[in-house]
Amino acid sequence: MAWNEPGGKGNPNDPWGNNNRGNNNRGGGQPPDLDEALKQLMDKLNGLFGNGGNQGGQNNSGSGGGGFLIIAAAIVAVLGLTNAFYTLDETERGVVLRLGEYHVTENPGLRFKIPLVDEVIPVNTTGVREVEVRERMLTEDENIVAVELSVQYRVTDPVSYALRVESPERTLTSAAESALRHEVGSTEMDPILTVGRGLLADQVKIRLQDYLDRYQTGMVLTTVNIKDARPPSQVKAAFDDVQKAKQDKERFINEAEAYANAIVPEARGRAQRQLEEASAYKERVVARAEGEAARFNDLFTEYQKAPEIMRERLYIDSITQVYNNSSKVLVDVEGGNNMMYLPLDKLVKDSQSQTADSATPVSLSPRDLTRLTNQVIDEIRSRQSTSTNTSRRESRR
């Protein structure tokens, strides 16, 4: 049987719990309407707060409205006491606004505020925060470079951070872009892409901190770092070609310097050796000339003493020098009109060719050559004397 089916007895499934009580049963088994249920609930609440309930079987709407206000006031009071206390941890400072105006800065701990009057803005003053900037910028030499900048900062003035700037991080990002664009526009591309990143980051940090101080943001920069700097992807191939050409240039310069360092000392050494040889030759020639001059003076002194003897001696010395440098011998036969020629150089070559098959080659020293010459002359003289004697005997007959 359904809970709302009509019947003469009370229905145990009645959700209103009145089991068809009251004076407003319509149709015998119908449940009360919504207005009646609300009135009953208000009567119970009024009874709990001491407002009596029904007087003379009628609902007191005025007392019911007063009880509702009391409940609402109690709820508001509980919520107010709950929101009046707040806690700040060790990393935070609380900026308190009273009726929208700055009142005080609270330190960490359990704090009290006036509900609906005070507003607390917690600000982290010890943590390090970070923002990143990625921009394409024009360098001083009219090249485009993509730079990625990382900025880390702390909040040192929570009042300025919370009240003087509407959006601190957005302000920091805009200021960082401005400072980076200014420094990149004053620098050529090569230092930015190679060894000049550290100097560029320091210059950006100084300029950006100046901007933040003038804006009164209450922020202090801790680290500014150029994370990446590269040419745009659209021109990367051309940029790689340029970089390769620069590397080839540096390599050629280094090779030329190495070659110069190797060849210049060697050339200087050869030049110094030639200078030393020239100096030695000069000293030798001068010394020889001085010696010959002294010798001539001595010979001239002796020549004045005995001219005939010195003339003969000089002649013999000159002939000796000439014959010492000659490989040919001329023999003048006494009493004859013929002059004998001895090719000693050919004789020496023939003797060497005959002994070419031996293990050790034969060579004639000047002494051996002189002895050989003397033997030839003696042989010639003996033959000449023999022929002379023969001719004399024939003439006597």
Protein backbone atom coordinates (compact mmCIF):
# COMPACT_ATOMS: atom_id res chain seq x y z
CA MET A 1 0.00 0.00 0.00
CA ALA A 2 1.47 3.35 -1.01
CA TRP A 3 2.11 6.01 1.64
CA ASN A 4 -0.33 8.42 0.02
CA GLU A 5 -3.15 5.98 -0.57
CA PRO A 6 -6.42 6.97 1.18
CA GLY A 7 -7.49 4.98 4.21
CA GLY A 8 -9.14 5.25 7.55
CA LYS A 9 -6.00 4.42 9.55
CA GLY A 10 -2.63 6.20 9.75
CA ASN A 11 -0.05 5.28 7.19
CA PRO A 12 3.36 4.27 8.68
CA ASN A 13 5.10 5.37 5.44
CA ASP A 14 3.99 8.98 5.82
CA PRO A 15 7.22 11.07 5.43
CA TRP A 16 5.71 13.99 7.30
CA GLY A 17 5.33 11.91 10.44
CA ASN A 18 1.83 13.23 11.28
CA ASN A 19 -0.15 10.05 10.48
CA ASN A 20 -3.05 12.15 9.19
CA ARG A 21 -3.15 14.37 12.26
CA GLY A 22 -4.60 17.83 12.43
CA ASN A 23 -7.70 19.53 11.44
CA ASN A 24 -6.89 19.88 7.78
CA ASN A 25 -7.27 16.28 6.63
CA ARG A 26 -8.72 16.48 3.23
CA GLY A 27 -10.23 13.41 1.86
CA GLY A 28 -9.48 11.46 5.03
CA GLY A 29 -5.92 10.20 4.15
CA GLN A 30 -4.21 13.14 2.30
CA PRO A 31 -0.86 14.50 3.73
CA PRO A 32 -0.56 18.19 4.79
CA ASP A 33 0.58 20.67 2.23
CA LEU A 34 3.94 22.47 2.22
CA ASP A 35 2.73 25.60 3.99
CA GLU A 36 1.45 23.59 6.90
CA ALA A 37 4.74 21.66 7.17
CA LEU A 38 6.72 24.93 7.32
CA LYS A 39 4.45 26.28 10.01
CA GLN A 40 4.96 23.16 12.10
CA LEU A 41 8.76 23.47 11.71
CA MET A 42 8.64 27.10 12.85
CA ASP A 43 6.56 26.16 15.86
CA LYS A 44 9.16 23.62 16.92
CA LEU A 45 12.02 26.14 16.53
CA ASN A 46 10.07 28.73 18.51
CA GLY A 47 9.58 26.20 21.22
CA LEU A 48 13.29 25.52 21.39
CA PHE A 49 14.07 29.24 21.83
CA GLY A 50 11.32 29.76 24.42
CA ASN A 51 8.69 31.48 22.33
CA GLY A 52 5.93 29.17 23.56
CA GLY A 53 4.39 27.84 20.39
CA ASN A 54 0.75 28.05 19.41
CA GLN A 55 -1.58 30.24 21.47
CA GLY A 56 -5.21 29.20 21.36
CA GLY A 57 -4.58 26.74 18.56
CA GLN A 58 -3.32 29.46 16.18
CA ASN A 59 0.23 30.06 14.80
CA ASN A 60 1.99 33.25 15.93
CA SER A 61 3.68 34.48 12.78
CA GLY A 62 5.46 37.38 14.56
CA SER A 63 7.20 35.12 17.07
CA GLY A 64 8.18 32.76 14.26
CA GLY A 65 9.84 35.59 12.33
CA GLY A 66 11.79 36.67 15.43
CA GLY A 67 13.14 33.16 15.93
CA PHE A 68 14.36 33.05 12.35
CA LEU A 69 16.24 36.31 12.80
CA ILE A 70 17.87 34.99 15.96
CA ILE A 71 19.03 31.89 14.11
CA ALA A 72 20.41 33.96 11.27
CA ALA A 73 22.23 36.23 13.73
CA ALA A 74 23.75 33.23 15.47
CA ILE A 75 24.95 31.80 12.19
CA VAL A 76 26.50 35.12 11.20
CA ALA A 77 28.21 35.41 14.58
CA VAL A 78 29.70 31.94 14.29
CA LEU A 79 30.94 32.61 10.76
CA GLY A 80 32.36 35.98 11.85
CA LEU A 81 34.31 34.46 14.74
CA THR A 82 35.61 31.76 12.43
CA ASN A 83 36.91 34.28 9.83
CA ALA A 84 38.26 36.72 12.43
CA PHE A 85 41.37 34.61 13.08
CA TYR A 86 44.00 33.76 10.48
CA THR A 87 47.54 32.39 10.43
CA LEU A 88 50.69 33.57 8.64
CA ASP A 89 53.61 31.15 8.22
CA GLU A 90 57.29 32.04 8.48
CA THR A 91 57.63 32.90 4.78
CA GLU A 92 54.71 35.34 4.70
CA ARG A 93 53.89 38.84 5.79
CA GLY A 94 50.29 40.09 5.99
CA VAL A 95 49.32 43.45 4.51
CA VAL A 96 46.16 44.53 6.39
CA LEU A 97 43.67 46.86 4.72
CA ARG A 98 41.00 48.45 6.88
CA LEU A 99 38.05 49.68 4.88
CA GLY A 100 40.26 49.50 1.78
CA GLU A 101 43.10 51.61 3.25
CA TYR A 102 46.50 50.31 4.34
CA HIS A 103 46.54 49.77 8.10
CA VAL A 104 49.48 47.61 9.21
CA THR A 105 51.86 44.81 8.16
CA GLU A 106 51.52 41.69 10.28
CA ASN A 107 54.33 39.25 11.09
CA PRO A 108 54.01 35.44 11.09
CA GLY A 109 51.74 33.80 13.65
CA LEU A 110 48.07 33.65 14.67
CA ARG A 111 46.42 37.01 14.01
CA PHE A 112 43.00 38.68 14.44
CA LYS A 113 41.07 40.85 12.04
CA ILE A 114 37.73 42.58 12.14
CA PRO A 115 35.36 40.67 9.90
CA LEU A 116 33.91 42.58 6.96
CA VAL A 117 36.18 45.52 7.86
CA ASP A 118 39.73 44.26 7.52
CA GLU A 119 41.24 42.54 4.50
CA VAL A 120 44.54 40.65 4.73
CA ILE A 121 46.83 40.15 1.70
CA PRO A 122 49.50 37.50 2.45
CA VAL A 123 52.81 38.08 0.64
CA ASN A 124 55.67 35.57 0.45
CA THR A 125 58.84 37.52 1.24
CA THR A 126 61.44 34.74 1.46
CA GLY A 127 60.76 32.48 -1.52
CA VAL A 128 62.59 32.98 -4.81
CA ARG A 129 60.27 33.35 -7.78
CA GLU A 130 61.06 33.07 -11.45
CA VAL A 131 59.74 34.46 -14.70
CA GLU A 132 60.94 33.71 -18.24
CA VAL A 133 61.03 35.95 -21.28
CA ARG A 134 61.33 34.68 -24.87
CA GLU A 135 61.63 37.32 -27.57
CA ARG A 136 63.07 37.91 -31.05
CA MET A 137 65.08 41.07 -31.13
CA LEU A 138 67.17 43.15 -33.52
CA THR A 139 70.88 43.49 -32.72
CA GLU A 140 73.13 46.46 -33.32
CA ASP A 141 74.44 45.01 -36.60
CA GLU A 142 70.85 44.56 -37.85
CA ASN A 143 70.60 40.81 -37.29
CA ILE A 144 67.67 39.02 -35.69
CA VAL A 145 68.34 36.81 -32.67
CA ALA A 146 65.96 34.81 -30.46
CA VAL A 147 66.81 35.21 -26.77
CA GLU A 148 65.44 33.26 -23.80
CA LEU A 149 65.87 35.11 -20.48
CA SER A 150 65.32 33.75 -16.97
CA VAL A 151 64.76 36.20 -14.08
CA GLN A 152 64.69 35.19 -10.41
CA TYR A 153 63.59 37.64 -7.71
CA ARG A 154 62.44 38.06 -4.10
CA VAL A 155 59.93 40.40 -2.50
CA THR A 156 61.53 42.72 0.05
CA ASP A 157 58.72 45.27 0.48
CA PRO A 158 55.34 43.51 0.79
CA VAL A 159 53.39 46.80 0.95
CA SER A 160 54.78 48.07 -2.36
CA TYR A 161 54.42 44.64 -3.92
CA ALA A 162 50.76 44.30 -2.88
CA LEU A 163 49.51 47.88 -3.26
CA ARG A 164 51.67 50.01 -5.57
CA VAL A 165 51.59 47.73 -8.64
CA GLU A 166 48.41 46.16 -9.93
CA SER A 167 50.05 43.07 -11.42
CA PRO A 168 53.67 42.68 -10.19
CA GLU A 169 54.65 39.68 -12.31
CA ARG A 170 53.24 41.15 -15.50
CA THR A 171 55.03 44.40 -14.72
CA LEU A 172 58.26 42.48 -14.17
CA THR A 173 57.83 40.64 -17.47
CA SER A 174 57.26 43.87 -19.40
CA ALA A 175 60.22 45.56 -17.71
CA ALA A 176 62.46 42.55 -18.45
CA GLU A 177 61.49 42.62 -22.12
CA SER A 178 62.25 46.35 -22.29
CA ALA A 179 65.65 46.00 -20.59
CA LEU A 180 66.61 43.00 -22.72
CA ARG A 181 65.57 44.74 -25.94
CA HIS A 182 67.62 47.80 -25.02
CA GLU A 183 70.79 45.79 -24.30
CA VAL A 184 70.45 43.46 -27.29
CA GLY A 185 69.88 46.44 -29.58
CA SER A 186 73.18 47.91 -28.35
CA THR A 187 75.22 44.72 -28.91
CA GLU A 188 76.34 42.90 -32.04
CA MET A 189 75.10 39.39 -32.74
CA ASP A 190 78.37 37.46 -32.40
CA PRO A 191 78.99 38.26 -28.69
CA ILE A 192 75.38 37.41 -27.87
CA LEU A 193 75.65 33.99 -29.48
CA THR A 194 79.14 33.14 -28.21
CA VAL A 195 81.11 34.54 -25.29
CA GLY A 196 79.14 37.69 -24.46
CA ARG A 197 76.11 36.12 -22.74
CA GLY A 198 77.41 36.65 -19.22
CA LEU A 199 78.14 40.33 -19.81
CA LEU A 200 74.74 40.78 -21.49
CA ALA A 201 72.96 39.17 -18.50
CA ASP A 202 74.77 41.48 -16.05
CA GLN A 203 73.82 44.57 -18.06
CA VAL A 204 70.18 43.44 -18.26
CA LYS A 205 70.11 42.84 -14.50
CA ILE A 206 71.38 46.34 -13.71
CA ARG A 207 68.91 48.02 -16.05
CA LEU A 208 65.96 45.86 -14.97
CA GLN A 209 66.61 46.51 -11.26
CA ASP A 210 66.63 50.23 -12.00
CA TYR A 211 63.24 49.91 -13.67
CA LEU A 212 61.79 47.96 -10.72
CA ASP A 213 63.07 50.52 -8.22
CA ARG A 214 61.54 53.38 -10.17
CA TYR A 215 58.22 51.54 -10.39
CA GLN A 216 58.35 50.86 -6.59
CA THR A 217 57.50 47.19 -7.03
CA GLY A 218 59.23 46.02 -3.82
CA MET A 219 61.13 43.32 -5.76
CA VAL A 220 64.88 42.62 -5.74
CA LEU A 221 66.53 40.56 -8.47
CA THR A 222 68.70 37.61 -7.39
CA THR A 223 69.71 36.06 -10.72
CA VAL A 224 69.39 37.02 -14.37
CA ASN A 225 70.53 34.38 -16.83
CA ILE A 226 70.57 34.14 -20.64
CA LYS A 227 69.37 30.56 -21.04
CA ASP A 228 69.56 30.47 -24.82
CA ALA A 229 70.45 32.74 -27.71
CA ARG A 230 70.15 31.54 -31.28
CA PRO A 231 69.22 32.79 -34.71
CA PRO A 232 65.65 32.27 -35.89
CA SER A 233 64.89 28.89 -37.42
CA GLN A 234 64.04 30.50 -40.76
CA VAL A 235 67.64 31.69 -41.25
CA LYS A 236 69.46 28.96 -39.35
CA ALA A 237 70.96 27.40 -42.50
CA ALA A 238 72.43 30.72 -43.65
CA PHE A 239 73.65 31.45 -40.17
CA ASP A 240 75.40 28.06 -40.01
CA ASP A 241 77.14 28.86 -43.29
CA VAL A 242 78.34 32.18 -41.89
CA GLN A 243 79.58 30.53 -38.72
CA LYS A 244 81.40 27.88 -40.73
CA ALA A 245 83.05 30.56 -42.84
CA LYS A 246 84.17 32.35 -39.68
CA GLN A 247 85.57 29.13 -38.28
CA ASP A 248 87.44 28.52 -41.53
CA LYS A 249 88.79 32.05 -41.32
CA GLU A 250 90.03 31.49 -37.78
CA ARG A 251 91.56 28.16 -38.79
CA PHE A 252 93.39 29.71 -41.74
CA ILE A 253 94.67 32.52 -39.55
CA ASN A 254 95.93 30.03 -36.98
CA GLU A 255 97.62 27.93 -39.65
CA ALA A 256 99.26 31.02 -41.14
CA GLU A 257 100.48 32.10 -37.72
CA ALA A 258 101.85 28.61 -37.06
CA TYR A 259 103.64 28.62 -40.42
CA ALA A 260 105.03 32.08 -39.72
CA ASN A 261 106.20 31.01 -36.29
CA ALA A 262 107.97 28.04 -37.88
CA ILE A 263 109.50 29.75 -40.93
CA VAL A 264 110.47 33.13 -39.52
CA PRO A 265 112.92 31.81 -36.88
CA GLU A 266 114.46 29.53 -39.49
CA ALA A 267 114.87 32.40 -41.92
CA ARG A 268 116.34 34.56 -39.18
CA GLY A 269 118.76 31.76 -38.35
CA ARG A 270 119.88 31.47 -41.97
CA ALA A 271 120.27 35.23 -42.21
CA GLN A 272 122.31 35.29 -39.02
CA ARG A 273 124.49 32.44 -40.31
CA GLN A 274 125.13 34.32 -43.56
CA LEU A 275 126.03 37.41 -41.58
CA GLU A 276 128.44 35.40 -39.47
CA GLU A 277 129.97 33.79 -42.56
CA ALA A 278 130.31 37.15 -44.25
CA SER A 279 131.93 38.57 -41.14
CA ALA A 280 134.35 35.61 -40.98
CA TYR A 281 135.13 35.95 -44.70
CA LYS A 282 135.76 39.65 -44.23
CA GLU A 283 138.12 39.00 -41.35
CA ARG A 284 139.90 36.25 -43.32
CA VAL A 285 140.35 38.40 -46.42
CA VAL A 286 141.51 41.37 -44.40
CA ALA A 287 143.94 39.21 -42.42
CA ARG A 288 145.25 37.63 -45.62
CA ALA A 289 145.65 40.99 -47.27
CA GLU A 290 147.43 42.36 -44.25
CA GLY A 291 149.68 39.24 -44.18
CA GLU A 292 150.49 39.56 -47.88
CA ALA A 293 151.23 43.24 -47.43
CA ALA A 294 153.55 42.49 -44.54
CA ARG A 295 155.20 39.68 -46.53
CA PHE A 296 155.63 41.99 -49.52
CA ASN A 297 157.22 44.58 -47.29
CA ASP A 298 159.61 41.94 -45.90
CA LEU A 299 160.43 40.67 -49.39
CA PHE A 300 160.98 44.19 -50.58
CA THR A 301 163.44 44.77 -47.77
CA GLU A 302 165.34 41.60 -48.67
CA TYR A 303 165.12 42.45 -52.38
CA GLN A 304 166.84 45.73 -51.76
CA LYS A 305 169.65 43.85 -50.05
CA ALA A 306 170.14 41.18 -52.81
CA PRO A 307 168.07 41.83 -55.93
CA GLU A 308 169.40 38.97 -58.07
CA ILE A 309 168.94 36.32 -55.44
CA MET A 310 165.44 37.47 -54.53
CA ARG A 311 164.47 37.66 -58.18
CA GLU A 312 165.58 34.08 -58.73
CA ARG A 313 163.83 32.94 -55.59
CA LEU A 314 160.59 34.64 -56.55
CA TYR A 315 160.73 33.08 -59.98
CA ILE A 316 161.27 29.59 -58.56
CA ASP A 317 158.42 30.04 -56.07
CA SER A 318 156.07 31.18 -58.82
CA ILE A 319 156.99 28.26 -61.12
CA THR A 320 156.53 25.87 -58.18
CA GLN A 321 153.05 27.16 -57.51
CA VAL A 322 152.16 26.86 -61.19
CA TYR A 323 153.45 23.31 -61.45
CA ASN A 324 151.76 22.26 -58.23
CA ASN A 325 148.40 23.15 -59.75
CA SER A 326 149.08 21.46 -63.07
CA SER A 327 148.65 17.80 -64.01
CA LYS A 328 150.94 18.04 -67.05
CA VAL A 329 154.74 17.91 -67.18
CA LEU A 330 156.89 19.49 -69.92
CA VAL A 331 160.48 18.26 -70.18
CA ASP A 332 163.05 20.32 -72.08
CA VAL A 333 165.79 18.10 -73.50
CA GLU A 334 169.21 19.67 -73.38
CA GLY A 335 170.93 19.96 -76.75
CA GLY A 336 167.79 19.19 -78.64
CA ASN A 337 164.97 21.06 -80.24
CA ASN A 338 162.15 18.87 -78.95
CA MET A 339 160.15 19.30 -75.76
CA MET A 340 158.63 16.19 -74.16
CA TYR A 341 155.06 16.27 -72.85
CA LEU A 342 154.01 13.85 -70.10
CA PRO A 343 150.20 13.61 -69.50
CA LEU A 344 150.39 12.56 -65.89
CA ASP A 345 146.66 12.92 -65.35
CA LYS A 346 145.96 10.33 -68.03
CA LEU A 347 148.62 8.07 -66.64
CA VAL A 348 146.99 8.26 -63.23
CA LYS A 349 143.56 7.48 -64.71
CA ASP A 350 144.96 4.48 -66.60
CA SER A 351 146.54 3.13 -63.44
CA GLN A 352 143.26 3.57 -61.58
CA SER A 353 141.30 1.81 -64.36
CA GLN A 354 143.68 -1.14 -64.22
CA THR A 355 143.13 -1.53 -60.49
CA ALA A 356 139.35 -0.93 -60.65
CA ASP A 357 138.66 -4.63 -60.14
CA SER A 358 140.54 -4.73 -56.86
CA ALA A 359 138.81 -4.25 -53.51
CA THR A 360 140.59 -0.99 -52.66
CA PRO A 361 141.06 1.75 -55.28
CA VAL A 362 144.57 3.10 -55.91
CA SER A 363 145.17 6.81 -55.50
CA LEU A 364 148.41 8.71 -55.91
CA SER A 365 149.46 11.21 -53.35
CA PRO A 366 151.42 14.32 -54.30
CA ARG A 367 154.58 12.68 -52.99
CA ASP A 368 154.04 9.62 -55.20
CA LEU A 369 153.36 11.88 -58.14
CA THR A 370 156.61 13.76 -57.55
CA ARG A 371 158.57 10.55 -57.26
CA LEU A 372 157.05 9.25 -60.48
CA THR A 373 157.99 12.46 -62.23
CA ASN A 374 161.54 12.25 -61.01
CA GLN A 375 161.82 8.69 -62.26
CA VAL A 376 160.58 9.71 -65.69
CA ILE A 377 163.04 12.60 -65.82
CA ASP A 378 165.93 10.35 -64.81
CA GLU A 379 164.95 7.85 -67.46
CA ILE A 380 164.82 10.59 -70.07
CA ARG A 381 168.20 11.94 -69.05
CA SER A 382 169.76 8.45 -69.21
CA ARG A 383 168.38 7.89 -72.66
CA GLN A 384 169.56 11.33 -73.72
CA SER A 385 173.10 10.65 -72.52
CA THR A 386 173.16 7.31 -74.29
CA SER A 387 172.07 8.84 -77.57
CA THR A 388 174.66 11.60 -77.20
CA ASN A 389 177.49 9.16 -76.69
CA THR A 390 176.37 7.13 -79.68
CA SER A 391 176.30 10.17 -81.94
CA ARG A 392 179.84 11.19 -80.81
CA ARG A 393 181.24 7.76 -81.63
CA GLU A 394 179.74 7.83 -85.09
CA SER A 395 181.21 11.24 -85.75
CA ARG A 396 184.73 10.06 -84.80
CA ARG A 397 184.58 7.21 -87.24
